[in-house]
Amino acid sequence: MRVGPYAIGSLDVVVDRIRRADVDGFPIVWTHQALGLDPFVAMAVAAREAPRIEIGTALIPAVLRHPQALAAEALTAQAALGGRLTLGVGMSHPHVVEGRLGLSYARPAEFMREYLEALLPLLRGETADVRGKRLTMVGRLDVGDVTPPPVLIGALAPHMLKLAGRLADGTITAATGPRGLAEHVVPSITKAASDAGRPPPRIVSAVVACITDDADAARGRIAATSKPYATMPAFIAMLEREGVASQVDLGLIGDEATARAQAQRFIDAGATELAIREAPGTPEEAERTRAFLRSLLDE
């Protein structure tokens, strides 16, 4: 079972969590960009302290960077990591794009298509020539001989999943459980990749975990920080498909046997890997959760 923890927080915290994930033998560790630090700078700082592990972004909001800026930053980080970057890009959400940034969230699949048509050639060292409705990119970059990283996009809706299968290397999902994967995400993206003559896609399921003997208390704590997810249209649709009210209901929460069974349901539904966010808890719960994640590496 391919699993990787998240490294989120201050620069020192992120670097230390990446280092510990490397020492613990995880194949990948994930970070992201929301309201905090620049993940590419953090992973470059961590690169020499964590010389083996792959580092992924889940996710970078596309609207924060023009494709040229993202390609330059990603390729620089890829060079620092020696080819161990996975680049995850997403559209974010209307309340962020429109409310916080004052930008348009209209036709997100159209925007992401134009974005990828500009970004992917730049990552390959090729010339991009996109003159779209939403953005323009004409030209290329010169960052030396750097292997392009695999690119995943946050995709849940049908048009975005088709785009992920046709142009990208896979998807990263959130607020999506085994039913949504098996009935919607996996068949949609897999067919799109096959129709485009591309290899089977990576399907990364982001999920929260807390190993505890008091699952109800843990769910209550996690739910208090997860309420925004239940208000986002893309996530609402997936939660309704799953028949649950909150992403907490999809988490790996409870004792080790309960959490392991839930993790296996994700894999059986078609997830190729799990990106696991360790929920806040007691020191004992934190240690049990990390030990549990390590144990999944042997399955």
Protein backbone atom coordinates (compact mmCIF):
# COMPACT_ATOMS: atom_id res chain seq x y z
CA MET A 1 0.00 0.00 0.00
CA ARG A 2 1.62 3.29 -1.11
CA VAL A 3 0.97 5.92 1.54
CA GLY A 4 2.48 9.25 2.44
CA PRO A 5 1.89 11.68 5.30
CA TYR A 6 1.40 15.43 5.04
CA ALA A 7 4.01 17.98 6.11
CA ILE A 8 2.19 21.23 6.94
CA GLY A 9 3.07 24.11 9.25
CA SER A 10 5.93 26.54 9.73
CA LEU A 11 9.14 26.13 7.75
CA ASP A 12 10.89 24.29 10.59
CA VAL A 13 7.90 22.00 11.11
CA VAL A 14 7.58 21.17 7.42
CA VAL A 15 11.29 20.46 7.02
CA ASP A 16 11.32 18.26 10.12
CA ARG A 17 8.26 16.31 8.99
CA ILE A 18 9.76 15.73 5.57
CA ARG A 19 12.98 14.54 7.20
CA ARG A 20 11.10 12.19 9.56
CA ALA A 21 9.00 10.80 6.70
CA ASP A 22 12.22 10.05 4.82
CA VAL A 23 13.77 8.32 7.85
CA ASP A 24 10.57 6.34 8.44
CA GLY A 25 10.73 4.93 4.93
CA PHE A 26 7.64 6.51 3.38
CA PRO A 27 7.86 6.64 -0.42
CA ILE A 28 6.34 10.12 -0.57
CA VAL A 29 5.42 13.04 1.65
CA TRP A 30 2.87 15.70 0.74
CA THR A 31 2.68 19.41 1.35
CA HIS A 32 0.44 22.12 -0.04
CA GLN A 33 -0.15 25.84 -0.36
CA ALA A 34 -3.14 27.43 1.31
CA LEU A 35 -2.53 30.43 3.55
CA GLY A 36 0.96 29.51 4.62
CA LEU A 37 4.49 29.19 3.34
CA ASP A 38 5.73 28.53 -0.17
CA PRO A 39 6.01 24.72 -0.46
CA PHE A 40 8.70 24.82 -3.16
CA VAL A 41 11.03 26.84 -0.96
CA ALA A 42 10.34 24.46 1.95
CA MET A 43 11.06 21.35 -0.08
CA ALA A 44 14.28 22.86 -1.44
CA VAL A 45 15.39 23.54 2.14
CA ALA A 46 14.47 19.95 3.09
CA ALA A 47 16.06 18.32 0.04
CA ARG A 48 19.45 17.59 1.58
CA GLU A 49 18.04 16.50 4.93
CA ALA A 50 15.69 14.06 3.18
CA PRO A 51 17.74 12.62 0.31
CA ARG A 52 15.46 9.76 -0.76
CA ILE A 53 11.80 10.62 -0.41
CA GLU A 54 9.50 11.92 -3.15
CA ILE A 55 7.75 15.19 -2.27
CA GLY A 56 4.34 16.06 -3.70
CA THR A 57 2.17 19.16 -3.67
CA ALA A 58 -1.48 18.52 -2.88
CA LEU A 59 -2.31 21.07 -4.08
CA ILE A 60 -0.97 24.30 -5.56
CA PRO A 61 -3.85 26.63 -6.56
CA ALA A 62 -3.31 27.40 -10.24
CA VAL A 63 -4.68 30.92 -9.94
CA LEU A 64 -1.80 31.94 -7.65
CA ARG A 65 0.80 31.55 -10.41
CA HIS A 66 0.92 32.08 -14.15
CA PRO A 67 2.03 28.82 -15.84
CA GLN A 68 5.46 30.32 -16.54
CA ALA A 69 5.95 31.15 -12.86
CA LEU A 70 4.77 27.73 -11.69
CA ALA A 71 6.89 25.89 -14.26
CA ALA A 72 10.01 27.84 -13.27
CA GLU A 73 9.45 27.24 -9.56
CA ALA A 74 8.57 23.57 -10.00
CA LEU A 75 11.58 22.85 -12.21
CA THR A 76 13.88 24.63 -9.77
CA ALA A 77 12.50 22.51 -6.93
CA GLN A 78 12.81 19.42 -9.11
CA ALA A 79 16.49 20.20 -9.66
CA ALA A 80 17.03 20.72 -5.91
CA LEU A 81 15.32 17.39 -5.19
CA GLY A 82 17.20 15.47 -7.85
CA GLY A 83 14.01 14.50 -9.68
CA ARG A 84 11.78 13.63 -6.69
CA LEU A 85 8.94 16.11 -7.19
CA THR A 86 5.31 15.32 -7.94
CA LEU A 87 3.46 18.48 -8.94
CA GLY A 88 -0.18 18.60 -7.87
CA VAL A 89 -2.22 21.55 -9.16
CA GLY A 90 -5.82 22.46 -8.41
CA MET A 91 -8.47 25.09 -9.05
CA SER A 92 -9.09 25.88 -5.36
CA HIS A 93 -12.68 27.01 -4.61
CA PRO A 94 -14.99 29.89 -5.54
CA HIS A 95 -14.84 31.55 -2.12
CA VAL A 96 -11.03 31.69 -2.41
CA VAL A 97 -10.66 32.59 -6.07
CA GLU A 98 -13.50 35.11 -6.18
CA GLY A 99 -13.88 36.20 -2.57
CA ARG A 100 -10.26 36.33 -1.48
CA LEU A 101 -8.44 37.02 -4.75
CA GLY A 102 -11.07 38.84 -6.76
CA LEU A 103 -10.57 36.59 -9.80
CA SER A 104 -13.03 34.66 -11.93
CA TYR A 105 -13.93 31.06 -11.14
CA ALA A 106 -16.08 30.73 -14.27
CA ARG A 107 -15.64 27.58 -16.37
CA PRO A 108 -12.91 25.98 -14.23
CA ALA A 109 -12.31 23.05 -16.59
CA GLU A 110 -11.72 25.46 -19.48
CA PHE A 111 -9.24 27.43 -17.39
CA MET A 112 -7.42 24.27 -16.27
CA ARG A 113 -7.21 23.00 -19.85
CA GLU A 114 -5.56 26.21 -21.01
CA TYR A 115 -3.35 26.17 -17.94
CA LEU A 116 -2.11 22.64 -18.60
CA GLU A 117 -1.64 23.32 -22.30
CA ALA A 118 0.76 26.08 -21.27
CA LEU A 119 2.34 24.41 -18.23
CA LEU A 120 3.14 20.96 -19.60
CA PRO A 121 5.28 22.07 -22.57
CA LEU A 122 7.20 24.44 -20.29
CA LEU A 123 7.94 21.60 -17.87
CA ARG A 124 9.22 19.51 -20.79
CA GLY A 125 11.53 22.29 -21.96
CA GLU A 126 9.39 22.96 -25.00
CA THR A 127 7.83 26.11 -26.39
CA ALA A 128 4.30 26.87 -25.23
CA ASP A 129 1.94 28.66 -27.58
CA VAL A 130 -1.38 29.26 -25.86
CA ARG A 131 -3.56 32.23 -26.68
CA GLY A 132 -6.73 31.26 -24.89
CA LYS A 133 -9.81 32.89 -23.49
CA ARG A 134 -8.39 32.88 -19.96
CA LEU A 135 -4.61 33.09 -20.32
CA THR A 136 -1.73 33.50 -22.74
CA MET A 137 1.69 31.87 -22.72
CA VAL A 138 4.04 32.17 -25.67
CA GLY A 139 7.64 31.05 -25.26
CA ARG A 140 9.81 28.66 -23.28
CA LEU A 141 12.02 28.47 -20.20
CA ASP A 142 15.73 27.81 -19.81
CA VAL A 143 16.40 26.14 -16.47
CA GLY A 144 18.91 23.56 -17.64
CA ASP A 145 18.53 19.82 -18.08
CA VAL A 146 15.76 19.01 -15.58
CA THR A 147 13.46 16.00 -15.84
CA PRO A 148 9.83 17.17 -15.86
CA PRO A 149 7.90 16.08 -12.78
CA PRO A 150 4.67 14.10 -13.04
CA VAL A 151 1.65 16.38 -12.88
CA LEU A 152 -1.57 15.55 -11.03
CA ILE A 153 -4.62 17.77 -10.84
CA GLY A 154 -7.39 18.04 -8.30
CA ALA A 155 -10.33 16.56 -10.19
CA LEU A 156 -13.79 15.49 -9.05
CA ALA A 157 -16.27 16.76 -11.66
CA PRO A 158 -16.67 14.83 -14.94
CA HIS A 159 -15.00 17.41 -17.22
CA MET A 160 -12.05 17.82 -14.87
CA LEU A 161 -11.58 14.05 -14.58
CA LYS A 162 -11.54 13.71 -18.35
CA LEU A 163 -8.95 16.46 -18.50
CA ALA A 164 -6.83 14.75 -15.84
CA GLY A 165 -6.88 11.48 -17.75
CA ARG A 166 -6.19 13.06 -21.13
CA LEU A 167 -3.42 15.51 -20.22
CA ALA A 168 -2.11 14.86 -16.71
CA ASP A 169 -0.64 11.86 -14.91
CA GLY A 170 -3.51 11.44 -12.49
CA THR A 171 -5.66 13.09 -9.87
CA ILE A 172 -5.70 13.96 -6.19
CA THR A 173 -9.11 13.70 -4.55
CA ALA A 174 -10.51 15.03 -1.29
CA ALA A 175 -13.84 14.47 0.48
CA THR A 176 -14.18 11.37 -1.68
CA GLY A 177 -14.65 7.88 -0.32
CA PRO A 178 -14.58 4.34 -1.69
CA ARG A 179 -18.01 4.58 -3.34
CA GLY A 180 -17.17 7.82 -5.14
CA LEU A 181 -13.87 6.38 -6.29
CA ALA A 182 -15.28 3.10 -7.55
CA GLU A 183 -18.42 4.48 -9.21
CA HIS A 184 -17.19 7.82 -10.52
CA VAL A 185 -13.54 8.89 -10.22
CA VAL A 186 -11.71 5.72 -11.20
CA PRO A 187 -13.78 4.73 -14.26
CA SER A 188 -13.94 8.31 -15.58
CA ILE A 189 -10.24 9.12 -15.38
CA THR A 190 -9.13 5.65 -16.42
CA LYS A 191 -11.26 5.72 -19.57
CA ALA A 192 -10.02 9.21 -20.46
CA ALA A 193 -6.41 8.10 -20.07
CA SER A 194 -6.98 4.95 -22.11
CA ASP A 195 -8.77 6.86 -24.89
CA ALA A 196 -5.80 9.25 -25.06
CA GLY A 197 -3.29 6.39 -25.23
CA ARG A 198 -1.84 7.29 -21.84
CA PRO A 199 -0.79 4.88 -19.06
CA PRO A 200 -3.10 4.12 -16.14
CA PRO A 201 -3.37 7.26 -13.99
CA ARG A 202 -2.23 7.79 -10.44
CA ILE A 203 -5.25 8.23 -8.18
CA VAL A 204 -4.28 9.78 -4.87
CA SER A 205 -6.93 9.87 -2.15
CA ALA A 206 -6.40 12.46 0.57
CA VAL A 207 -7.80 11.25 3.88
CA VAL A 208 -7.51 12.13 7.57
CA ALA A 209 -6.30 9.64 10.19
CA CYS A 210 -6.31 9.36 13.97
CA ILE A 211 -5.62 6.11 15.78
CA THR A 212 -7.45 6.28 19.08
CA ASP A 213 -9.57 4.38 21.57
CA ASP A 214 -12.06 7.28 21.66
CA ALA A 215 -13.20 7.61 18.05
CA ASP A 216 -16.19 9.82 18.89
CA ALA A 217 -14.01 12.43 20.59
CA ALA A 218 -11.54 12.35 17.72
CA ARG A 219 -14.30 12.81 15.15
CA GLY A 220 -15.62 15.77 17.11
CA ARG A 221 -12.21 17.47 17.13
CA ILE A 222 -11.62 16.82 13.45
CA ALA A 223 -15.13 17.93 12.46
CA ALA A 224 -14.57 21.28 14.15
CA THR A 225 -11.75 22.03 11.70
CA SER A 226 -13.42 20.41 8.68
CA LYS A 227 -16.68 22.36 8.50
CA PRO A 228 -15.63 24.44 5.45
CA TYR A 229 -15.40 21.28 3.37
CA ALA A 230 -19.12 20.67 3.78
CA THR A 231 -19.87 24.07 2.21
CA MET A 232 -17.80 23.68 -0.98
CA PRO A 233 -19.90 22.63 -3.99
CA ALA A 234 -17.41 20.12 -5.40
CA PHE A 235 -17.06 18.42 -2.04
CA ILE A 236 -20.77 18.51 -1.29
CA ALA A 237 -21.45 16.53 -4.46
CA MET A 238 -18.91 13.86 -3.51
CA LEU A 239 -20.13 13.59 0.08
CA GLU A 240 -23.71 13.19 -1.15
CA ARG A 241 -22.56 10.48 -3.56
CA GLU A 242 -20.90 8.74 -0.64
CA GLY A 243 -23.97 9.10 1.57
CA VAL A 244 -22.15 10.88 4.40
CA ALA A 245 -22.35 14.36 5.90
CA SER A 246 -18.67 15.10 6.42
CA GLN A 247 -15.24 14.04 5.25
CA VAL A 248 -14.67 12.94 8.84
CA ASP A 249 -16.98 10.01 8.10
CA LEU A 250 -14.47 8.86 5.47
CA GLY A 251 -11.39 9.07 7.69
CA LEU A 252 -9.15 6.39 9.15
CA ILE A 253 -10.38 7.03 12.68
CA GLY A 254 -10.54 4.50 15.49
CA ASP A 255 -8.32 1.62 16.51
CA GLU A 256 -5.72 0.10 14.22
CA ALA A 257 -7.97 -2.65 12.86
CA THR A 258 -10.78 -0.22 12.04
CA ALA A 259 -8.44 2.22 10.31
CA ARG A 260 -6.69 -0.52 8.36
CA ALA A 261 -9.98 -1.86 7.05
CA GLN A 262 -11.01 1.63 5.92
CA ALA A 263 -7.67 2.21 4.20
CA GLN A 264 -8.09 -1.07 2.34
CA ARG A 265 -11.53 0.02 1.11
CA PHE A 266 -9.91 3.00 -0.61
CA ILE A 267 -7.34 0.77 -2.29
CA ASP A 268 -9.95 -1.81 -3.30
CA ALA A 269 -12.00 1.01 -4.85
CA GLY A 270 -9.10 1.95 -7.13
CA ALA A 271 -6.97 4.47 -5.25
CA THR A 272 -3.33 3.89 -6.15
CA GLU A 273 -2.08 5.69 -3.03
CA LEU A 274 -3.24 7.52 0.08
CA ALA A 275 -2.14 10.98 1.18
CA ILE A 276 -2.81 10.94 4.90
CA ARG A 277 -3.22 13.97 7.13
CA GLU A 278 -2.61 13.12 10.76
CA ALA A 279 -5.31 14.75 12.87
CA PRO A 280 -4.45 16.61 16.09
CA GLY A 281 -4.75 14.50 19.19
CA THR A 282 -2.94 13.48 22.35
CA PRO A 283 0.77 12.59 22.21
CA GLU A 284 -0.19 8.93 22.54
CA GLU A 285 -2.64 9.17 19.63
CA ALA A 286 -0.02 10.96 17.54
CA GLU A 287 2.51 8.19 18.14
CA ARG A 288 -0.05 5.45 17.47
CA THR A 289 -1.11 7.16 14.25
CA ARG A 290 2.44 7.48 12.97
CA ALA A 291 3.18 3.84 13.88
CA PHE A 292 0.00 2.79 12.09
CA LEU A 293 0.99 4.68 8.94
CA ARG A 294 4.39 2.98 9.00
CA SER A 295 2.69 -0.40 9.33
CA LEU A 296 0.73 0.22 6.13
CA LEU A 297 4.00 0.26 4.19
CA ASP A 298 4.28 -3.49 4.68
CA GLU A 299 0.86 -4.27 3.18
